[in-house]
Amino acid sequence: MAKSKSGGTRSYIRGKIGADVYSVGKDGKGKRQQVVRSLAEQVANPQTEAQMFGRMVMSTVMQAVSAMKPIIDHSFDGIPAGQPSISEFIRRNYALVAADAKAHPASGNAFGLNKYQEKGPKQGAYILSKGNVQVPSAIVLGTKRGEFSVTLTASNHKVSDLKAAMGHTNGDDYYTVVAIGYGDGDNLEFGFIRFRFNPALADDTDITSSNIASVFLTEGNQTAAVSIDNNVVKAGITGAQYWSNNGLIISRKNTDGWQHSSCTLSSEGLDLEFVANTALPTYPQGSARFLNGGDI
């Protein structure tokens, strides 16, 4: 209540009446005044089922972008590094996730969009790189492991033998292991290790268990593990038993710039498990709308 110019009191209305919302504000002199705001008759951004679905898919892809940026910002042949490559990743994987979720709306989709799960990268079939470099047949990805193996002949275990088996061409060849899994904890995460041959090690050096750790130089967001057992060399992410998805990207620099092998980080055929303790559903269910860990 406030006094009017005639000395009486003035009533202010708060709340919604029809299409109008009433509140109390202040004028330019700081005096209280009635404020009336009309609601929009046409909502510019309605929460339709299709929009909810699109936002859900985009959120899944963008969480993958956030986790996988060190890999996907340069791994598409013919596309400049940085944002153009990231946009290519988004374009390809948005279509992939959307098609999978539509084909399996209730269960069974590769990305777990109808499951309860934590924020972060989702296990799925992400296209991480696209190019013309061929992965040699001697390089084999481990099953449910973030590693690859190379089998040498029984008698030839020199650095040059390993380079030949891995299709090595020059010092700018990189072999990047990528994986999604639980690492050594409870949260789903993305891991990668980038390997390249150590230029300080001569080609005629015999590879043994005592010097295998010096064969490669490594970088990444996990700890590298390299071993040799008889004539099998293994390289990958330490604690490989915790990683359920595998991928390998070969990057090679030549006169045309960087080229890559094609890599899909696929969990197809693997036994997927999703954390369910504090997560929210990521697929619109009934009247409850959730978007990858956040209620919208």
C-alpha atoms as a PDB file:
ATOM      1  CA  MET A   1       0.000   0.000   0.000  1.00  0.00           C
ATOM      2  CA  ALA A   2       1.205   3.544  -0.745  1.00  0.00           C
ATOM      3  CA  LYS A   3      -0.272   7.020  -0.386  1.00  0.00           C
ATOM      4  CA  SER A   4      -1.768   8.600  -3.508  1.00  0.00           C
ATOM      5  CA  LYS A   5      -1.564  12.290  -4.409  1.00  0.00           C
ATOM      6  CA  SER A   6      -4.989  12.800  -2.864  1.00  0.00           C
ATOM      7  CA  GLY A   7      -3.671  11.516   0.472  1.00  0.00           C
ATOM      8  CA  GLY A   8      -5.281   8.112   0.300  1.00  0.00           C
ATOM      9  CA  THR A   9      -3.539   4.784  -0.063  1.00  0.00           C
ATOM     10  CA  ARG A  10      -2.742   3.074  -3.339  1.00  0.00           C
ATOM     11  CA  SER A  11      -2.846  -0.682  -3.836  1.00  0.00           C
ATOM     12  CA  TYR A  12      -0.321  -2.573  -5.951  1.00  0.00           C
ATOM     13  CA  ILE A  13      -1.059  -5.840  -7.655  1.00  0.00           C
ATOM     14  CA  ARG A  14       1.357  -8.745  -7.849  1.00  0.00           C
ATOM     15  CA  GLY A  15       0.778 -11.846  -9.914  1.00  0.00           C
ATOM     16  CA  LYS A  16      -0.661 -12.984 -13.214  1.00  0.00           C
ATOM     17  CA  ILE A  17      -4.060 -11.963 -14.552  1.00  0.00           C
ATOM     18  CA  GLY A  18      -4.876 -13.431 -17.933  1.00  0.00           C
ATOM     19  CA  ALA A  19      -1.955 -12.780 -20.269  1.00  0.00           C
ATOM     20  CA  ASP A  20      -0.551  -9.964 -18.079  1.00  0.00           C
ATOM     21  CA  VAL A  21       1.954 -10.209 -15.218  1.00  0.00           C
ATOM     22  CA  TYR A  22       1.769  -7.506 -12.515  1.00  0.00           C
ATOM     23  CA  SER A  23       4.718  -6.519 -10.305  1.00  0.00           C
ATOM     24  CA  VAL A  24       5.967  -3.513  -8.329  1.00  0.00           C
ATOM     25  CA  GLY A  25       8.957  -1.493  -9.537  1.00  0.00           C
ATOM     26  CA  LYS A  26      10.380   2.006  -9.186  1.00  0.00           C
ATOM     27  CA  ASP A  27      10.222   5.042 -11.436  1.00  0.00           C
ATOM     28  CA  GLY A  28      13.115   7.320 -12.370  1.00  0.00           C
ATOM     29  CA  LYS A  29      12.854   9.117  -9.024  1.00  0.00           C
ATOM     30  CA  GLY A  30      12.931   5.942  -7.000  1.00  0.00           C
ATOM     31  CA  LYS A  31       9.233   5.926  -6.192  1.00  0.00           C
ATOM     32  CA  ARG A  32       7.283   2.717  -6.301  1.00  0.00           C
ATOM     33  CA  GLN A  33       5.068   2.143  -9.289  1.00  0.00           C
ATOM     34  CA  GLN A  34       2.941  -0.567 -10.806  1.00  0.00           C
ATOM     35  CA  VAL A  35       4.593  -2.569 -13.586  1.00  0.00           C
ATOM     36  CA  VAL A  36       2.579  -4.578 -16.090  1.00  0.00           C
ATOM     37  CA  ARG A  37       4.178  -7.045 -18.515  1.00  0.00           C
ATOM     38  CA  SER A  38       2.281  -8.978 -21.163  1.00  0.00           C
ATOM     39  CA  LEU A  39       3.230 -12.581 -21.838  1.00  0.00           C
ATOM     40  CA  ALA A  40       4.264 -13.529 -25.354  1.00  0.00           C
ATOM     41  CA  GLU A  41       1.457 -15.281 -27.164  1.00  0.00           C
ATOM     42  CA  GLN A  42       3.891 -17.158 -29.419  1.00  0.00           C
ATOM     43  CA  VAL A  43       6.831 -18.777 -27.621  1.00  0.00           C
ATOM     44  CA  ALA A  44       9.964 -18.288 -29.716  1.00  0.00           C
ATOM     45  CA  ASN A  45      11.686 -21.428 -28.413  1.00  0.00           C
ATOM     46  CA  PRO A  46       9.097 -23.985 -27.328  1.00  0.00           C
ATOM     47  CA  GLN A  47      10.197 -27.168 -25.576  1.00  0.00           C
ATOM     48  CA  THR A  48       8.968 -29.522 -28.259  1.00  0.00           C
ATOM     49  CA  GLU A  49       9.876 -33.200 -28.311  1.00  0.00           C
ATOM     50  CA  ALA A  50      11.996 -32.690 -31.428  1.00  0.00           C
ATOM     51  CA  GLN A  51      13.876 -29.778 -29.857  1.00  0.00           C
ATOM     52  CA  MET A  52      14.445 -31.763 -26.671  1.00  0.00           C
ATOM     53  CA  PHE A  53      15.823 -34.627 -28.712  1.00  0.00           C
ATOM     54  CA  GLY A  54      18.109 -32.329 -30.687  1.00  0.00           C
ATOM     55  CA  ARG A  55      19.462 -30.640 -27.572  1.00  0.00           C
ATOM     56  CA  MET A  56      20.058 -34.002 -25.932  1.00  0.00           C
ATOM     57  CA  VAL A  57      22.049 -35.242 -28.930  1.00  0.00           C
ATOM     58  CA  MET A  58      24.042 -32.013 -29.173  1.00  0.00           C
ATOM     59  CA  SER A  59      24.837 -32.111 -25.451  1.00  0.00           C
ATOM     60  CA  THR A  60      26.155 -35.652 -25.823  1.00  0.00           C
ATOM     61  CA  VAL A  61      28.337 -34.632 -28.767  1.00  0.00           C
ATOM     62  CA  MET A  62      29.626 -31.456 -27.077  1.00  0.00           C
ATOM     63  CA  GLN A  63      30.639 -33.380 -23.962  1.00  0.00           C
ATOM     64  CA  ALA A  64      32.605 -35.666 -26.270  1.00  0.00           C
ATOM     65  CA  VAL A  65      34.166 -32.587 -27.913  1.00  0.00           C
ATOM     66  CA  SER A  66      35.255 -31.270 -24.525  1.00  0.00           C
ATOM     67  CA  ALA A  67      36.904 -34.568 -23.574  1.00  0.00           C
ATOM     68  CA  MET A  68      38.428 -35.471 -26.945  1.00  0.00           C
ATOM     69  CA  LYS A  69      39.615 -32.057 -28.152  1.00  0.00           C
ATOM     70  CA  PRO A  70      43.356 -32.980 -28.147  1.00  0.00           C
ATOM     71  CA  ILE A  71      42.560 -35.598 -30.815  1.00  0.00           C
ATOM     72  CA  ILE A  72      39.660 -34.292 -32.875  1.00  0.00           C
ATOM     73  CA  ASP A  73      40.991 -30.773 -33.508  1.00  0.00           C
ATOM     74  CA  HIS A  74      43.400 -31.967 -36.198  1.00  0.00           C
ATOM     75  CA  SER A  75      42.474 -35.482 -37.348  1.00  0.00           C
ATOM     76  CA  PHE A  76      40.408 -35.028 -40.528  1.00  0.00           C
ATOM     77  CA  ASP A  77      42.258 -35.090 -43.840  1.00  0.00           C
ATOM     78  CA  GLY A  78      41.785 -31.990 -45.990  1.00  0.00           C
ATOM     79  CA  ILE A  79      40.273 -29.951 -43.130  1.00  0.00           C
ATOM     80  CA  PRO A  80      42.335 -27.297 -41.301  1.00  0.00           C
ATOM     81  CA  ALA A  81      43.265 -27.883 -37.684  1.00  0.00           C
ATOM     82  CA  GLY A  82      41.327 -26.181 -34.918  1.00  0.00           C
ATOM     83  CA  GLN A  83      37.665 -25.215 -35.139  1.00  0.00           C
ATOM     84  CA  PRO A  84      37.120 -26.524 -38.712  1.00  0.00           C
ATOM     85  CA  SER A  85      38.129 -30.032 -37.585  1.00  0.00           C
ATOM     86  CA  ILE A  86      36.012 -29.759 -34.443  1.00  0.00           C
ATOM     87  CA  SER A  87      33.039 -28.686 -36.563  1.00  0.00           C
ATOM     88  CA  GLU A  88      33.612 -31.720 -38.785  1.00  0.00           C
ATOM     89  CA  PHE A  89      33.582 -33.962 -35.703  1.00  0.00           C
ATOM     90  CA  ILE A  90      30.318 -32.377 -34.539  1.00  0.00           C
ATOM     91  CA  ARG A  91      28.729 -32.719 -37.988  1.00  0.00           C
ATOM     92  CA  ARG A  92      29.614 -36.383 -38.380  1.00  0.00           C
ATOM     93  CA  ASN A  93      28.849 -37.483 -34.839  1.00  0.00           C
ATOM     94  CA  TYR A  94      25.627 -35.530 -34.368  1.00  0.00           C
ATOM     95  CA  ALA A  95      24.194 -37.495 -37.293  1.00  0.00           C
ATOM     96  CA  LEU A  96      25.603 -40.730 -35.873  1.00  0.00           C
ATOM     97  CA  VAL A  97      24.192 -40.247 -32.359  1.00  0.00           C
ATOM     98  CA  ALA A  98      20.802 -39.021 -33.596  1.00  0.00           C
ATOM     99  CA  ALA A  99      20.373 -41.932 -36.007  1.00  0.00           C
ATOM    100  CA  ASP A 100      21.331 -44.449 -33.347  1.00  0.00           C
ATOM    101  CA  ALA A 101      18.986 -43.013 -30.716  1.00  0.00           C
ATOM    102  CA  LYS A 102      16.080 -42.867 -33.201  1.00  0.00           C
ATOM    103  CA  ALA A 103      16.681 -46.441 -34.327  1.00  0.00           C
ATOM    104  CA  HIS A 104      16.791 -47.663 -30.717  1.00  0.00           C
ATOM    105  CA  PRO A 105      14.562 -45.273 -28.752  1.00  0.00           C
ATOM    106  CA  ALA A 106      13.936 -47.551 -25.786  1.00  0.00           C
ATOM    107  CA  SER A 107      17.172 -49.476 -25.321  1.00  0.00           C
ATOM    108  CA  GLY A 108      20.187 -50.872 -27.084  1.00  0.00           C
ATOM    109  CA  ASN A 109      21.601 -47.692 -28.584  1.00  0.00           C
ATOM    110  CA  ALA A 110      25.379 -47.526 -28.544  1.00  0.00           C
ATOM    111  CA  PHE A 111      25.540 -44.222 -26.674  1.00  0.00           C
ATOM    112  CA  GLY A 112      23.365 -45.209 -23.728  1.00  0.00           C
ATOM    113  CA  LEU A 113      21.052 -42.241 -24.257  1.00  0.00           C
ATOM    114  CA  ASN A 114      18.215 -44.039 -22.540  1.00  0.00           C
ATOM    115  CA  LYS A 115      20.389 -45.159 -19.636  1.00  0.00           C
ATOM    116  CA  TYR A 116      21.270 -43.502 -16.367  1.00  0.00           C
ATOM    117  CA  GLN A 117      24.819 -42.204 -16.562  1.00  0.00           C
ATOM    118  CA  GLU A 118      27.262 -39.576 -15.369  1.00  0.00           C
ATOM    119  CA  LYS A 119      28.266 -36.402 -17.145  1.00  0.00           C
ATOM    120  CA  GLY A 120      31.228 -36.686 -19.474  1.00  0.00           C
ATOM    121  CA  PRO A 121      31.999 -38.687 -22.618  1.00  0.00           C
ATOM    122  CA  LYS A 122      29.551 -41.493 -23.356  1.00  0.00           C
ATOM    123  CA  GLN A 123      30.619 -44.865 -24.646  1.00  0.00           C
ATOM    124  CA  GLY A 124      29.598 -45.081 -28.250  1.00  0.00           C
ATOM    125  CA  ALA A 125      30.839 -45.142 -31.821  1.00  0.00           C
ATOM    126  CA  TYR A 126      32.442 -41.738 -32.279  1.00  0.00           C
ATOM    127  CA  ILE A 127      34.247 -40.916 -35.529  1.00  0.00           C
ATOM    128  CA  LEU A 128      37.524 -39.440 -34.273  1.00  0.00           C
ATOM    129  CA  SER A 129      39.479 -39.216 -37.519  1.00  0.00           C
ATOM    130  CA  LYS A 130      38.988 -39.659 -41.239  1.00  0.00           C
ATOM    131  CA  GLY A 131      41.764 -40.099 -43.766  1.00  0.00           C
ATOM    132  CA  ASN A 132      43.580 -42.270 -46.269  1.00  0.00           C
ATOM    133  CA  VAL A 133      46.464 -43.663 -44.218  1.00  0.00           C
ATOM    134  CA  GLN A 134      46.084 -47.430 -43.971  1.00  0.00           C
ATOM    135  CA  VAL A 135      46.672 -49.286 -40.705  1.00  0.00           C
ATOM    136  CA  PRO A 136      49.092 -52.187 -41.369  1.00  0.00           C
ATOM    137  CA  SER A 137      47.665 -55.649 -40.762  1.00  0.00           C
ATOM    138  CA  ALA A 138      50.459 -56.344 -38.267  1.00  0.00           C
ATOM    139  CA  ILE A 139      48.928 -53.797 -35.864  1.00  0.00           C
ATOM    140  CA  VAL A 140      46.080 -55.404 -33.927  1.00  0.00           C
ATOM    141  CA  LEU A 141      43.852 -53.690 -31.376  1.00  0.00           C
ATOM    142  CA  GLY A 142      43.330 -55.557 -28.130  1.00  0.00           C
ATOM    143  CA  THR A 143      39.845 -56.677 -27.123  1.00  0.00           C
ATOM    144  CA  LYS A 144      38.439 -54.400 -24.392  1.00  0.00           C
ATOM    145  CA  ARG A 145      41.877 -52.831 -24.012  1.00  0.00           C
ATOM    146  CA  GLY A 146      43.368 -49.399 -24.664  1.00  0.00           C
ATOM    147  CA  GLU A 147      46.344 -50.897 -26.458  1.00  0.00           C
ATOM    148  CA  PHE A 148      47.642 -52.353 -29.706  1.00  0.00           C
ATOM    149  CA  SER A 149      50.005 -55.244 -30.360  1.00  0.00           C
ATOM    150  CA  VAL A 150      52.536 -55.983 -33.104  1.00  0.00           C
ATOM    151  CA  THR A 151      53.806 -59.523 -33.724  1.00  0.00           C
ATOM    152  CA  LEU A 152      57.389 -59.745 -34.997  1.00  0.00           C
ATOM    153  CA  THR A 153      59.101 -62.796 -36.466  1.00  0.00           C
ATOM    154  CA  ALA A 154      60.738 -65.101 -33.952  1.00  0.00           C
ATOM    155  CA  SER A 155      64.257 -64.044 -34.919  1.00  0.00           C
ATOM    156  CA  ASN A 156      63.990 -60.358 -35.824  1.00  0.00           C
ATOM    157  CA  HIS A 157      63.422 -58.067 -32.871  1.00  0.00           C
ATOM    158  CA  LYS A 158      65.296 -54.951 -33.946  1.00  0.00           C
ATOM    159  CA  VAL A 159      63.874 -51.430 -33.947  1.00  0.00           C
ATOM    160  CA  SER A 160      63.947 -51.505 -37.763  1.00  0.00           C
ATOM    161  CA  ASP A 161      61.817 -54.682 -37.724  1.00  0.00           C
ATOM    162  CA  LEU A 162      59.205 -53.031 -35.526  1.00  0.00           C
ATOM    163  CA  LYS A 163      59.180 -49.923 -37.733  1.00  0.00           C
ATOM    164  CA  ALA A 164      58.648 -52.046 -40.831  1.00  0.00           C
ATOM    165  CA  ALA A 165      55.786 -53.966 -39.224  1.00  0.00           C
ATOM    166  CA  MET A 166      54.120 -50.701 -38.163  1.00  0.00           C
ATOM    167  CA  GLY A 167      54.448 -49.084 -41.603  1.00  0.00           C
ATOM    168  CA  HIS A 168      56.726 -46.362 -40.270  1.00  0.00           C
ATOM    169  CA  THR A 169      57.863 -43.878 -42.939  1.00  0.00           C
ATOM    170  CA  ASN A 170      59.553 -40.991 -41.107  1.00  0.00           C
ATOM    171  CA  GLY A 171      60.100 -39.353 -37.738  1.00  0.00           C
ATOM    172  CA  ASP A 172      56.786 -37.539 -37.995  1.00  0.00           C
ATOM    173  CA  ASP A 173      54.721 -40.742 -37.822  1.00  0.00           C
ATOM    174  CA  TYR A 174      52.526 -40.883 -34.714  1.00  0.00           C
ATOM    175  CA  TYR A 175      50.468 -43.797 -33.392  1.00  0.00           C
ATOM    176  CA  THR A 176      47.723 -42.606 -31.058  1.00  0.00           C
ATOM    177  CA  VAL A 177      45.797 -45.054 -28.891  1.00  0.00           C
ATOM    178  CA  VAL A 178      42.369 -43.751 -27.848  1.00  0.00           C
ATOM    179  CA  ALA A 179      39.909 -45.309 -25.420  1.00  0.00           C
ATOM    180  CA  ILE A 180      36.803 -44.668 -23.351  1.00  0.00           C
ATOM    181  CA  GLY A 181      36.398 -46.530 -20.093  1.00  0.00           C
ATOM    182  CA  TYR A 182      36.478 -46.294 -16.329  1.00  0.00           C
ATOM    183  CA  GLY A 183      40.261 -45.982 -16.028  1.00  0.00           C
ATOM    184  CA  ASP A 184      41.079 -46.990 -12.472  1.00  0.00           C
ATOM    185  CA  GLY A 185      38.047 -45.217 -10.971  1.00  0.00           C
ATOM    186  CA  ASP A 186      34.262 -45.009 -11.170  1.00  0.00           C
ATOM    187  CA  ASN A 187      33.829 -42.174 -13.661  1.00  0.00           C
ATOM    188  CA  LEU A 188      33.695 -42.698 -17.396  1.00  0.00           C
ATOM    189  CA  GLU A 189      36.602 -40.898 -19.045  1.00  0.00           C
ATOM    190  CA  PHE A 190      38.468 -40.490 -22.325  1.00  0.00           C
ATOM    191  CA  GLY A 191      42.102 -41.545 -22.475  1.00  0.00           C
ATOM    192  CA  PHE A 192      44.807 -41.289 -25.110  1.00  0.00           C
ATOM    193  CA  ILE A 193      48.529 -41.897 -25.535  1.00  0.00           C
ATOM    194  CA  ARG A 194      50.467 -40.718 -28.589  1.00  0.00           C
ATOM    195  CA  PHE A 195      53.493 -42.854 -29.513  1.00  0.00           C
ATOM    196  CA  ARG A 196      56.376 -42.091 -31.862  1.00  0.00           C
ATOM    197  CA  PHE A 197      59.696 -43.858 -32.342  1.00  0.00           C
ATOM    198  CA  ASN A 198      62.560 -42.515 -30.285  1.00  0.00           C
ATOM    199  CA  PRO A 199      65.038 -40.928 -32.765  1.00  0.00           C
ATOM    200  CA  ALA A 200      67.889 -41.483 -30.301  1.00  0.00           C
ATOM    201  CA  LEU A 201      67.551 -45.272 -30.628  1.00  0.00           C
ATOM    202  CA  ALA A 202      69.413 -46.737 -33.606  1.00  0.00           C
ATOM    203  CA  ASP A 203      67.486 -48.905 -36.061  1.00  0.00           C
ATOM    204  CA  ASP A 204      69.808 -51.877 -35.480  1.00  0.00           C
ATOM    205  CA  THR A 205      69.109 -51.880 -31.720  1.00  0.00           C
ATOM    206  CA  ASP A 206      67.765 -55.182 -30.439  1.00  0.00           C
ATOM    207  CA  ILE A 207      64.461 -54.764 -28.590  1.00  0.00           C
ATOM    208  CA  THR A 208      64.449 -56.476 -25.204  1.00  0.00           C
ATOM    209  CA  SER A 209      62.396 -56.264 -22.028  1.00  0.00           C
ATOM    210  CA  SER A 210      65.135 -54.092 -20.530  1.00  0.00           C
ATOM    211  CA  ASN A 211      65.033 -51.373 -23.213  1.00  0.00           C
ATOM    212  CA  ILE A 212      61.430 -51.618 -24.525  1.00  0.00           C
ATOM    213  CA  ALA A 213      60.429 -48.558 -22.482  1.00  0.00           C
ATOM    214  CA  SER A 214      62.864 -46.405 -24.487  1.00  0.00           C
ATOM    215  CA  VAL A 215      61.664 -47.490 -27.960  1.00  0.00           C
ATOM    216  CA  PHE A 216      58.873 -44.877 -28.040  1.00  0.00           C
ATOM    217  CA  LEU A 217      58.487 -41.287 -26.935  1.00  0.00           C
ATOM    218  CA  THR A 218      54.996 -40.698 -25.556  1.00  0.00           C
ATOM    219  CA  GLU A 219      52.546 -37.965 -24.611  1.00  0.00           C
ATOM    220  CA  GLY A 220      48.900 -37.959 -23.581  1.00  0.00           C
ATOM    221  CA  ASN A 221      46.488 -37.708 -20.670  1.00  0.00           C
ATOM    222  CA  GLN A 222      47.229 -41.201 -19.344  1.00  0.00           C
ATOM    223  CA  THR A 223      50.334 -43.201 -18.456  1.00  0.00           C
ATOM    224  CA  ALA A 224      51.842 -45.261 -21.266  1.00  0.00           C
ATOM    225  CA  ALA A 225      52.539 -48.970 -20.977  1.00  0.00           C
ATOM    226  CA  VAL A 226      54.943 -50.737 -23.379  1.00  0.00           C
ATOM    227  CA  SER A 227      56.098 -54.362 -23.170  1.00  0.00           C
ATOM    228  CA  ILE A 228      57.563 -57.217 -25.201  1.00  0.00           C
ATOM    229  CA  ASP A 229      56.724 -60.869 -24.580  1.00  0.00           C
ATOM    230  CA  ASN A 230      58.678 -63.252 -26.822  1.00  0.00           C
ATOM    231  CA  ASN A 231      57.989 -61.680 -30.229  1.00  0.00           C
ATOM    232  CA  VAL A 232      54.878 -59.619 -29.378  1.00  0.00           C
ATOM    233  CA  VAL A 233      55.209 -55.899 -28.659  1.00  0.00           C
ATOM    234  CA  LYS A 234      52.300 -54.217 -26.861  1.00  0.00           C
ATOM    235  CA  ALA A 235      51.800 -50.464 -26.442  1.00  0.00           C
ATOM    236  CA  GLY A 236      48.909 -48.592 -24.901  1.00  0.00           C
ATOM    237  CA  ILE A 237      47.392 -47.099 -21.778  1.00  0.00           C
ATOM    238  CA  THR A 238      48.415 -48.426 -18.396  1.00  0.00           C
ATOM    239  CA  GLY A 239      45.646 -50.296 -16.595  1.00  0.00           C
ATOM    240  CA  ALA A 240      44.294 -51.549 -19.917  1.00  0.00           C
ATOM    241  CA  GLN A 241      41.861 -53.888 -18.190  1.00  0.00           C
ATOM    242  CA  TYR A 242      39.734 -50.870 -17.216  1.00  0.00           C
ATOM    243  CA  TRP A 243      39.236 -49.585 -20.769  1.00  0.00           C
ATOM    244  CA  SER A 244      36.399 -51.043 -22.813  1.00  0.00           C
ATOM    245  CA  ASN A 245      36.773 -49.129 -26.108  1.00  0.00           C
ATOM    246  CA  ASN A 246      39.676 -49.142 -28.508  1.00  0.00           C
ATOM    247  CA  GLY A 247      40.853 -46.975 -31.340  1.00  0.00           C
ATOM    248  CA  LEU A 248      44.123 -46.229 -33.116  1.00  0.00           C
ATOM    249  CA  ILE A 249      44.982 -43.198 -35.242  1.00  0.00           C
ATOM    250  CA  ILE A 250      48.115 -43.156 -37.389  1.00  0.00           C
ATOM    251  CA  SER A 251      49.166 -39.595 -38.225  1.00  0.00           C
ATOM    252  CA  ARG A 252      51.755 -39.030 -40.959  1.00  0.00           C
ATOM    253  CA  LYS A 253      53.324 -35.823 -42.231  1.00  0.00           C
ATOM    254  CA  ASN A 254      54.240 -35.577 -45.902  1.00  0.00           C
ATOM    255  CA  THR A 255      54.543 -32.922 -48.588  1.00  0.00           C
ATOM    256  CA  ASP A 256      50.763 -32.456 -48.618  1.00  0.00           C
ATOM    257  CA  GLY A 257      50.610 -31.867 -44.866  1.00  0.00           C
ATOM    258  CA  TRP A 258      49.237 -34.165 -42.200  1.00  0.00           C
ATOM    259  CA  GLN A 259      47.302 -37.264 -43.125  1.00  0.00           C
ATOM    260  CA  HIS A 260      45.554 -39.730 -40.859  1.00  0.00           C
ATOM    261  CA  SER A 261      44.022 -43.160 -40.715  1.00  0.00           C
ATOM    262  CA  SER A 262      40.278 -43.418 -40.183  1.00  0.00           C
ATOM    263  CA  CYS A 263      39.276 -44.266 -36.635  1.00  0.00           C
ATOM    264  CA  THR A 264      35.894 -44.958 -35.064  1.00  0.00           C
ATOM    265  CA  LEU A 265      36.059 -45.348 -31.299  1.00  0.00           C
ATOM    266  CA  SER A 266      33.459 -48.091 -31.243  1.00  0.00           C
ATOM    267  CA  SER A 267      32.000 -50.082 -28.367  1.00  0.00           C
ATOM    268  CA  GLU A 268      29.969 -52.252 -30.701  1.00  0.00           C
ATOM    269  CA  GLY A 269      29.750 -55.817 -29.450  1.00  0.00           C
ATOM    270  CA  LEU A 270      31.261 -54.956 -26.077  1.00  0.00           C
ATOM    271  CA  ASP A 271      29.610 -55.441 -22.709  1.00  0.00           C
ATOM    272  CA  LEU A 272      28.744 -51.873 -21.716  1.00  0.00           C
ATOM    273  CA  GLU A 273      27.944 -50.832 -18.189  1.00  0.00           C
ATOM    274  CA  PHE A 274      26.754 -47.404 -17.159  1.00  0.00           C
ATOM    275  CA  VAL A 275      27.149 -45.824 -13.729  1.00  0.00           C
ATOM    276  CA  ALA A 276      23.755 -45.405 -12.075  1.00  0.00           C
ATOM    277  CA  ASN A 277      24.350 -44.026  -8.592  1.00  0.00           C
ATOM    278  CA  THR A 278      23.966 -40.242  -8.940  1.00  0.00           C
ATOM    279  CA  ALA A 279      23.220 -39.775 -12.612  1.00  0.00           C
ATOM    280  CA  LEU A 280      20.166 -38.500 -14.440  1.00  0.00           C
ATOM    281  CA  PRO A 281      18.471 -39.905 -17.541  1.00  0.00           C
ATOM    282  CA  THR A 282      19.638 -38.390 -20.801  1.00  0.00           C
ATOM    283  CA  TYR A 283      16.631 -39.249 -22.932  1.00  0.00           C
ATOM    284  CA  PRO A 284      13.283 -37.406 -22.687  1.00  0.00           C
ATOM    285  CA  GLN A 285      11.033 -39.752 -20.727  1.00  0.00           C
ATOM    286  CA  GLY A 286       7.354 -38.962 -20.209  1.00  0.00           C
ATOM    287  CA  SER A 287       6.797 -35.549 -18.649  1.00  0.00           C
ATOM    288  CA  ALA A 288      10.252 -35.448 -17.041  1.00  0.00           C
ATOM    289  CA  ARG A 289      12.746 -33.720 -19.341  1.00  0.00           C
ATOM    290  CA  PHE A 290      16.414 -34.271 -18.670  1.00  0.00           C
ATOM    291  CA  LEU A 291      19.448 -33.391 -20.736  1.00  0.00           C
ATOM    292  CA  ASN A 292      22.648 -35.336 -20.122  1.00  0.00           C
ATOM    293  CA  GLY A 293      22.897 -34.817 -16.398  1.00  0.00           C
ATOM    294  CA  GLY A 294      20.961 -31.557 -16.178  1.00  0.00           C
ATOM    295  CA  ASP A 295      17.256 -30.812 -15.882  1.00  0.00           C
ATOM    296  CA  ILE A 296      16.226 -28.273 -18.530  1.00  0.00           C
END
